PDB file of N, CA and C in Angstrom:
ATOM      1  N   MET A   1       0.863  -1.011   0.039  1.00  0.00           N
ATOM      2  CA  MET A   1      -0.066  -0.203  -0.184  1.00  0.00           C
ATOM      3  C   MET A   1       0.942   1.109   0.013  1.00  0.00           C
ATOM      4  N   ASP A   2       0.483   2.256  -0.551  1.00  0.00           N
ATOM      5  CA  ASP A   2       1.060   3.525  -0.758  1.00  0.00           C
ATOM      6  C   ASP A   2       0.900   4.305   0.327  1.00  0.00           C
ATOM      7  N   ASN A   3       2.316   4.922   0.882  1.00  0.00           N
ATOM      8  CA  ASN A   3       2.127   5.659   1.930  1.00  0.00           C
ATOM      9  C   ASN A   3       1.650   7.307   1.708  1.00  0.00           C
ATOM     10  N   ARG A   4       1.511   7.734   2.643  1.00  0.00           N
ATOM     11  CA  ARG A   4       0.656   8.976   2.520  1.00  0.00           C
ATOM     12  C   ARG A   4       1.792   9.978   1.690  1.00  0.00           C
ATOM     13  N   GLU A   5       3.011  10.305   2.116  1.00  0.00           N
ATOM     14  CA  GLU A   5       3.928  10.821   1.365  1.00  0.00           C
ATOM     15  C   GLU A   5       4.075  10.884   0.168  1.00  0.00           C
ATOM     16  N   ASP A   6       4.022   9.268  -0.250  1.00  0.00           N
ATOM     17  CA  ASP A   6       4.270   9.047  -2.069  1.00  0.00           C
ATOM     18  C   ASP A   6       2.928   9.606  -2.591  1.00  0.00           C
ATOM     19  N   ARG A   7       2.023   9.473  -1.869  1.00  0.00           N
ATOM     20  CA  ARG A   7       0.482   9.959  -2.689  1.00  0.00           C
ATOM     21  C   ARG A   7       0.822  11.747  -2.725  1.00  0.00           C
ATOM     22  N   ILE A   8       1.308  12.104  -1.790  1.00  0.00           N
ATOM     23  CA  ILE A   8       1.371  13.710  -1.718  1.00  0.00           C
ATOM     24  C   ILE A   8       2.622  13.957  -2.836  1.00  0.00           C
ATOM     25  N   ARG A   9       3.629  13.364  -2.797  1.00  0.00           N
ATOM     26  CA  ARG A   9       4.443  13.614  -4.014  1.00  0.00           C
ATOM     27  C   ARG A   9       3.915  13.329  -5.451  1.00  0.00           C
ATOM     28  N   ARG A  10       3.435  12.391  -5.608  1.00  0.00           N
ATOM     29  CA  ARG A  10       2.921  12.107  -7.026  1.00  0.00           C
ATOM     30  C   ARG A  10       1.732  13.217  -7.480  1.00  0.00           C
ATOM     31  N   ARG A  11       0.753  13.758  -6.589  1.00  0.00           N
ATOM     32  CA  ARG A  11      -0.257  14.638  -6.813  1.00  0.00           C
ATOM     33  C   ARG A  11       0.564  15.958  -6.863  1.00  0.00           C
ATOM     34  N   ALA A  12       1.550  16.232  -6.113  1.00  0.00           N
ATOM     35  CA  ALA A  12       2.296  17.622  -6.442  1.00  0.00           C
ATOM     36  C   ALA A  12       3.187  17.726  -7.727  1.00  0.00           C
ATOM     37  N   HIS A  13       3.244  16.372  -8.011  1.00  0.00           N
ATOM     38  CA  HIS A  13       4.198  16.350  -9.536  1.00  0.00           C
ATOM     39  C   HIS A  13       3.282  16.568 -10.330  1.00  0.00           C
ATOM     40  N   GLU A  14       1.665  15.912 -10.426  1.00  0.00           N
ATOM     41  CA  GLU A  14       0.790  16.165 -11.408  1.00  0.00           C
ATOM     42  C   GLU A  14       0.420  17.876 -11.422  1.00  0.00           C
ATOM     43  N   LEU A  15       0.274  18.285 -10.134  1.00  0.00           N
ATOM     44  CA  LEU A  15      -0.089  19.819 -10.257  1.00  0.00           C
ATOM     45  C   LEU A  15       0.995  20.542 -10.748  1.00  0.00           C
ATOM     46  N   TRP A  16       2.138  20.334 -10.651  1.00  0.00           N
ATOM     47  CA  TRP A  16       3.493  21.189 -11.115  1.00  0.00           C
ATOM     48  C   TRP A  16       3.258  21.042 -12.709  1.00  0.00           C
ATOM     49  N   GLN A  17       3.005  19.788 -12.960  1.00  0.00           N
ATOM     50  CA  GLN A  17       2.878  19.509 -14.816  1.00  0.00           C
ATOM     51  C   GLN A  17       1.753  20.567 -15.311  1.00  0.00           C
ATOM     52  N   ALA A  18       0.852  20.406 -14.669  1.00  0.00           N
ATOM     53  CA  ALA A  18      -0.436  20.813 -15.015  1.00  0.00           C
ATOM     54  C   ALA A  18      -0.239  22.654 -15.216  1.00  0.00           C
ATOM     55  N   ALA A  19       0.627  23.029 -14.279  1.00  0.00           N
ATOM     56  CA  ALA A  19       0.950  24.376 -14.263  1.00  0.00           C
ATOM     57  C   ALA A  19       2.021  24.774 -15.293  1.00  0.00           C
ATOM     58  N   GLY A  20       2.598  23.657 -16.258  1.00  0.00           N
ATOM     59  CA  GLY A  20       3.604  23.873 -17.061  1.00  0.00           C
ATOM     60  C   GLY A  20       4.983  23.759 -16.444  1.00  0.00           C
ATOM     61  N   SER A  21       5.221  23.194 -15.380  1.00  0.00           N
ATOM     62  CA  SER A  21       6.413  22.604 -15.002  1.00  0.00           C
ATOM     63  C   SER A  21       7.292  24.090 -14.660  1.00  0.00           C
ATOM     64  N   PRO A  22       6.826  25.061 -13.852  1.00  0.00           N
ATOM     65  CA  PRO A  22       7.583  26.166 -13.393  1.00  0.00           C
ATOM     66  C   PRO A  22       8.957  26.015 -12.468  1.00  0.00           C
ATOM     67  N   ARG A  23       9.594  27.061 -12.801  1.00  0.00           N
ATOM     68  CA  ARG A  23      11.059  26.971 -12.023  1.00  0.00           C
ATOM     69  C   ARG A  23      10.573  27.200 -10.405  1.00  0.00           C
ATOM     70  N   GLY A  24      11.510  26.666  -9.789  1.00  0.00           N
ATOM     71  CA  GLY A  24      11.001  27.061  -8.014  1.00  0.00           C
ATOM     72  C   GLY A  24      11.265  25.528  -7.390  1.00  0.00           C
ATOM     73  N   ASP A  25      11.225  25.931  -6.218  1.00  0.00           N
ATOM     74  CA  ASP A  25      10.799  24.829  -5.145  1.00  0.00           C
ATOM     75  C   ASP A  25      10.100  23.726  -5.032  1.00  0.00           C
ATOM     76  N   GLY A  26       8.884  24.534  -5.579  1.00  0.00           N
ATOM     77  CA  GLY A  26       7.467  23.493  -5.876  1.00  0.00           C
ATOM     78  C   GLY A  26       6.775  23.285  -4.388  1.00  0.00           C
ATOM     79  N   ALA A  27       7.180  24.410  -3.460  1.00  0.00           N
ATOM     80  CA  ALA A  27       6.510  24.535  -2.115  1.00  0.00           C
ATOM     81  C   ALA A  27       4.966  24.507  -2.308  1.00  0.00           C
ATOM     82  N   GLU A  28       4.433  25.442  -3.176  1.00  0.00           N
ATOM     83  CA  GLU A  28       3.092  25.363  -3.156  1.00  0.00           C
ATOM     84  C   GLU A  28       2.239  24.343  -3.677  1.00  0.00           C
ATOM     85  N   PHE A  29       3.147  23.418  -4.937  1.00  0.00           N
ATOM     86  CA  PHE A  29       2.369  22.504  -5.205  1.00  0.00           C
ATOM     87  C   PHE A  29       2.466  21.462  -4.252  1.00  0.00           C
ATOM     88  N   TRP A  30       3.404  21.350  -3.341  1.00  0.00           N
ATOM     89  CA  TRP A  30       3.381  20.318  -2.273  1.00  0.00           C
ATOM     90  C   TRP A  30       2.278  20.741  -1.282  1.00  0.00           C
ATOM     91  N   LEU A  31       2.147  21.672  -0.889  1.00  0.00           N
ATOM     92  CA  LEU A  31       1.185  22.145   0.149  1.00  0.00           C
ATOM     93  C   LEU A  31      -0.299  21.843  -0.546  1.00  0.00           C
ATOM     94  N   GLN A  32      -0.641  22.485  -1.675  1.00  0.00           N
ATOM     95  CA  GLN A  32      -1.949  21.861  -2.324  1.00  0.00           C
ATOM     96  C   GLN A  32      -2.224  20.604  -2.485  1.00  0.00           C
ATOM     97  N   ALA A  33      -1.013  19.597  -2.753  1.00  0.00           N
ATOM     98  CA  ALA A  33      -1.079  18.329  -2.773  1.00  0.00           C
ATOM     99  C   ALA A  33      -1.568  17.628  -1.312  1.00  0.00           C
ATOM    100  N   GLU A  34      -0.984  18.270  -0.250  1.00  0.00           N
ATOM    101  CA  GLU A  34      -1.051  17.786   0.778  1.00  0.00           C
ATOM    102  C   GLU A  34      -2.566  18.074   1.500  1.00  0.00           C
ATOM    103  N   ALA A  35      -2.926  19.331   1.115  1.00  0.00           N
ATOM    104  CA  ALA A  35      -4.455  19.677   1.457  1.00  0.00           C
ATOM    105  C   ALA A  35      -5.377  18.559   0.965  1.00  0.00           C
ATOM    106  N   GLU A  36      -5.182  18.567  -0.526  1.00  0.00           N
ATOM    107  CA  GLU A  36      -6.151  17.469  -1.213  1.00  0.00           C
ATOM    108  C   GLU A  36      -6.172  16.119  -0.454  1.00  0.00           C
ATOM    109  N   ILE A  37      -4.893  15.579  -0.178  1.00  0.00           N
ATOM    110  CA  ILE A  37      -4.727  14.201   0.393  1.00  0.00           C
ATOM    111  C   ILE A  37      -5.368  14.451   1.791  1.00  0.00           C
ATOM    112  N   ALA A  38      -5.034  15.410   2.409  1.00  0.00           N
ATOM    113  CA  ALA A  38      -6.145  15.669   4.084  1.00  0.00           C
ATOM    114  C   ALA A  38      -7.434  15.412   3.550  1.00  0.00           C
ATOM    115  N   GLN A  39      -8.095  16.258   2.570  1.00  0.00           N
ATOM    116  CA  GLN A  39      -9.397  15.872   2.526  1.00  0.00           C
ATOM    117  C   GLN A  39     -10.022  14.206   2.390  1.00  0.00           C
ATOM    118  N   THR A  40      -9.230  13.585   1.755  1.00  0.00           N
ATOM    119  CA  THR A  40      -9.878  12.188   1.517  1.00  0.00           C
ATOM    120  C   THR A  40      -9.245  11.425   2.688  1.00  0.00           C
ATOM    121  N   ASP A  41      -8.333  11.804   3.431  1.00  0.00           N
ATOM    122  CA  ASP A  41      -7.742  11.101   4.595  1.00  0.00           C
ATOM    123  C   ASP A  41      -7.405  12.157   5.515  1.00  0.00           C
ATOM    124  N   PRO A  42      -8.450  12.699   6.468  1.00  0.00           N
ATOM    125  CA  PRO A  42      -8.098  13.760   7.088  1.00  0.00           C
ATOM    126  C   PRO A  42      -7.739  13.618   8.455  1.00  0.00           C
ATOM    127  N   VAL A  43      -7.278  12.400   9.015  1.00  0.00           N
ATOM    128  CA  VAL A  43      -7.138  12.268  10.208  1.00  0.00           C
ATOM    129  C   VAL A  43      -5.636  12.411  10.196  1.00  0.00           C
ATOM    130  N   LEU A  44      -5.228  13.495  11.382  1.00  0.00           N
ATOM    131  CA  LEU A  44      -3.760  13.441  11.044  1.00  0.00           C
ATOM    132  C   LEU A  44      -3.388  13.479  12.493  1.00  0.00           C
ATOM    133  N   GLU A  45      -2.223  12.800  12.626  1.00  0.00           N
ATOM    134  CA  GLU A  45      -1.704  12.855  14.102  1.00  0.00           C
ATOM    135  C   GLU A  45      -0.728  14.332  14.240  1.00  0.00           C
ATOM    136  N   GLU A  46      -0.943  14.586  15.470  1.00  0.00           N
ATOM    137  CA  GLU A  46      -0.282  16.176  15.750  1.00  0.00           C
ATOM    138  C   GLU A  46       1.436  15.982  15.354  1.00  0.00           C
ATOM    139  N   ASP A  47       1.900  14.780  15.479  1.00  0.00           N
ATOM    140  CA  ASP A  47       3.268  14.586  15.197  1.00  0.00           C
ATOM    141  C   ASP A  47       3.655  14.097  13.874  1.00  0.00           C
ATOM    142  N   ALA A  48       2.853  14.049  13.107  1.00  0.00           N
ATOM    143  CA  ALA A  48       2.829  13.376  11.741  1.00  0.00           C
ATOM    144  C   ALA A  48       3.899  14.337  10.944  1.00  0.00           C
ATOM    145  N   PRO A  49       4.472  14.008  10.142  1.00  0.00           N
ATOM    146  CA  PRO A  49       5.402  14.867   9.091  1.00  0.00           C
ATOM    147  C   PRO A  49       4.673  15.928   8.347  1.00  0.00           C
ATOM    148  N   ASP A  50       3.518  15.832   7.954  1.00  0.00           N
ATOM    149  CA  ASP A  50       2.754  16.954   7.470  1.00  0.00           C
ATOM    150  C   ASP A  50       1.901  17.439   8.529  1.00  0.00           C
ATOM    151  N   ALA A  51       1.980  17.518   9.567  1.00  0.00           N
ATOM    152  CA  ALA A  51       1.267  18.342  10.228  1.00  0.00           C
ATOM    153  C   ALA A  51       1.984  19.636  10.812  1.00  0.00           C
ATOM    154  N   ALA A  52       3.198  19.836  10.394  1.00  0.00           N
ATOM    155  CA  ALA A  52       3.638  21.063  10.445  1.00  0.00           C
ATOM    156  C   ALA A  52       3.350  21.776   9.529  1.00  0.00           C
ATOM    157  N   ALA A  53       3.091  21.499   7.923  1.00  0.00           N
ATOM    158  CA  ALA A  53       2.835  21.988   6.917  1.00  0.00           C
ATOM    159  C   ALA A  53       1.535  22.401   7.253  1.00  0.00           C
ATOM    160  N   ARG A  54       0.451  21.458   7.713  1.00  0.00           N
ATOM    161  CA  ARG A  54      -0.760  22.010   7.893  1.00  0.00           C
ATOM    162  C   ARG A  54      -1.070  23.239   8.911  1.00  0.00           C
ATOM    163  N   ARG A  55      -0.082  23.333   9.863  1.00  0.00           N
ATOM    164  CA  ARG A  55      -0.079  24.291  10.851  1.00  0.00           C
ATOM    165  C   ARG A  55       0.309  25.619  10.085  1.00  0.00           C
ATOM    166  N   GLU A  56       1.365  25.096   9.386  1.00  0.00           N
ATOM    167  CA  GLU A  56       1.809  26.636   8.635  1.00  0.00           C
ATOM    168  C   GLU A  56       0.639  26.954   7.373  1.00  0.00           C
ATOM    169  N   ILE A  57      -0.173  26.438   6.794  1.00  0.00           N
ATOM    170  CA  ILE A  57      -1.147  26.898   6.136  1.00  0.00           C
ATOM    171  C   ILE A  57      -2.179  27.574   6.735  1.00  0.00           C
ATOM    172  N   GLU A  58      -2.456  26.638   8.164  1.00  0.00           N
ATOM    173  CA  GLU A  58      -3.712  27.445   8.943  1.00  0.00           C
ATOM    174  C   GLU A  58      -3.058  28.878   9.516  1.00  0.00           C
ATOM    175  N   ARG A  59      -1.796  28.923   9.577  1.00  0.00           N
ATOM    176  CA  ARG A  59      -1.283  30.377  10.320  1.00  0.00           C
ATOM    177  C   ARG A  59      -1.237  31.470   9.051  1.00  0.00           C
ATOM    178  N   GLU A  60      -0.928  30.873   7.856  1.00  0.00           N
ATOM    179  CA  GLU A  60      -0.870  31.826   6.699  1.00  0.00           C
ATOM    180  C   GLU A  60      -2.196  32.146   6.056  1.00  0.00           C
ATOM    181  N   LYS A  61      -2.837  31.346   6.081  1.00  0.00           N
ATOM    182  CA  LYS A  61      -4.363  31.332   5.224  1.00  0.00           C
ATOM    183  C   LYS A  61      -5.715  30.556   6.174  1.00  0.00           C
ATOM    184  N   PRO A  62      -5.616  31.343   7.378  1.00  0.00           N
ATOM    185  CA  PRO A  62      -6.826  30.768   8.143  1.00  0.00           C
ATOM    186  C   PRO A  62      -8.175  30.593   7.824  1.00  0.00           C
ATOM    187  N   GLU A  63      -8.374  31.677   6.807  1.00  0.00           N
ATOM    188  CA  GLU A  63      -9.515  31.444   6.073  1.00  0.00           C
ATOM    189  C   GLU A  63      -9.726  30.155   5.101  1.00  0.00           C
ATOM    190  N   SER A  64      -8.958  29.400   4.813  1.00  0.00           N
ATOM    191  CA  SER A  64      -9.047  28.448   3.885  1.00  0.00           C
ATOM    192  C   SER A  64      -9.183  27.193   4.600  1.00  0.00           C
ATOM    193  N   VAL A  65      -9.112  27.114   6.070  1.00  0.00           N
ATOM    194  CA  VAL A  65      -9.093  26.113   6.838  1.00  0.00           C
ATOM    195  C   VAL A  65     -10.584  26.175   7.710  1.00  0.00           C
ATOM    196  N   MET A  66     -11.258  25.199   7.981  1.00  0.00           N
ATOM    197  CA  MET A  66     -12.423  25.244   8.798  1.00  0.00           C
ATOM    198  C   MET A  66     -12.012  24.215   9.938  1.00  0.00           C
ATOM    199  N   LYS A  67     -12.517  24.475  11.248  1.00  0.00           N
ATOM    200  CA  LYS A  67     -12.805  23.225  12.166  1.00  0.00           C
ATOM    201  C   LYS A  67     -13.834  22.414  12.382  1.00  0.00           C
ATOM    202  N   VAL A  68     -13.680  20.904  11.947  1.00  0.00           N
ATOM    203  CA  VAL A  68     -14.420  20.203  11.805  1.00  0.00           C
ATOM    204  C   VAL A  68     -14.531  19.149  13.108  1.00  0.00           C
ATOM    205  N   GLU A  69     -15.313  19.212  14.093  1.00  0.00           N
ATOM    206  CA  GLU A  69     -15.203  18.111  15.316  1.00  0.00           C
ATOM    207  C   GLU A  69     -13.686  17.924  15.694  1.00  0.00           C
ATOM    208  N   GLY A  70     -13.171  19.078  15.864  1.00  0.00           N
ATOM    209  CA  GLY A  70     -11.783  18.825  16.730  1.00  0.00           C
ATOM    210  C   GLY A  70     -10.796  18.997  15.571  1.00  0.00           C
ATOM    211  N   ARG A  71     -11.085  18.380  14.484  1.00  0.00           N
ATOM    212  CA  ARG A  71      -9.856  18.473  13.489  1.00  0.00           C
ATOM    213  C   ARG A  71     -10.054  19.434  12.291  1.00  0.00           C
ATOM    214  N   ASN A  72      -9.163  19.482  11.650  1.00  0.00           N
ATOM    215  CA  ASN A  72      -8.959  20.780  10.743  1.00  0.00           C
ATOM    216  C   ASN A  72      -9.331  20.148   9.370  1.00  0.00           C
ATOM    217  N   LYS A  73      -9.873  20.808   8.648  1.00  0.00           N
ATOM    218  CA  LYS A  73     -10.499  20.211   7.171  1.00  0.00           C
ATOM    219  C   LYS A  73     -10.362  21.687   6.195  1.00  0.00           C
ATOM    220  N   ARG A  74      -9.609  21.463   5.077  1.00  0.00           N
ATOM    221  CA  ARG A  74      -9.634  22.483   4.127  1.00  0.00           C
ATOM    222  C   ARG A  74     -11.079  22.771   3.599  1.00  0.00           C
ATOM    223  N   SER A  75     -11.503  24.038   3.615  1.00  0.00           N
ATOM    224  CA  SER A  75     -12.376  24.350   3.047  1.00  0.00           C
ATOM    225  C   SER A  75     -12.502  24.288   1.496  1.00  0.00           C
ATOM    226  N   PRO A  76     -13.932  23.967   0.937  1.00  0.00           N
ATOM    227  CA  PRO A  76     -13.707  23.960  -0.452  1.00  0.00           C
ATOM    228  C   PRO A  76     -13.573  25.319  -1.293  1.00  0.00           C
TER     229      PRO A  76
END
């Protein structure tokens, strides 16, 4: 079975290609892919590798995250 990071990596690559393969570190594609994967698999442990990125998104764009039953979920 694929792990979460592999799914995020593949989705980020798809997003990067769809955007025309722009130069740069691709952090925005990783964060977008991570948010999409979180919607299909929303349970995150606070010490999971992607939890820090999720907290960064919440800090930078709090309007894009809504609280759902004590968990965070990206709004549509």
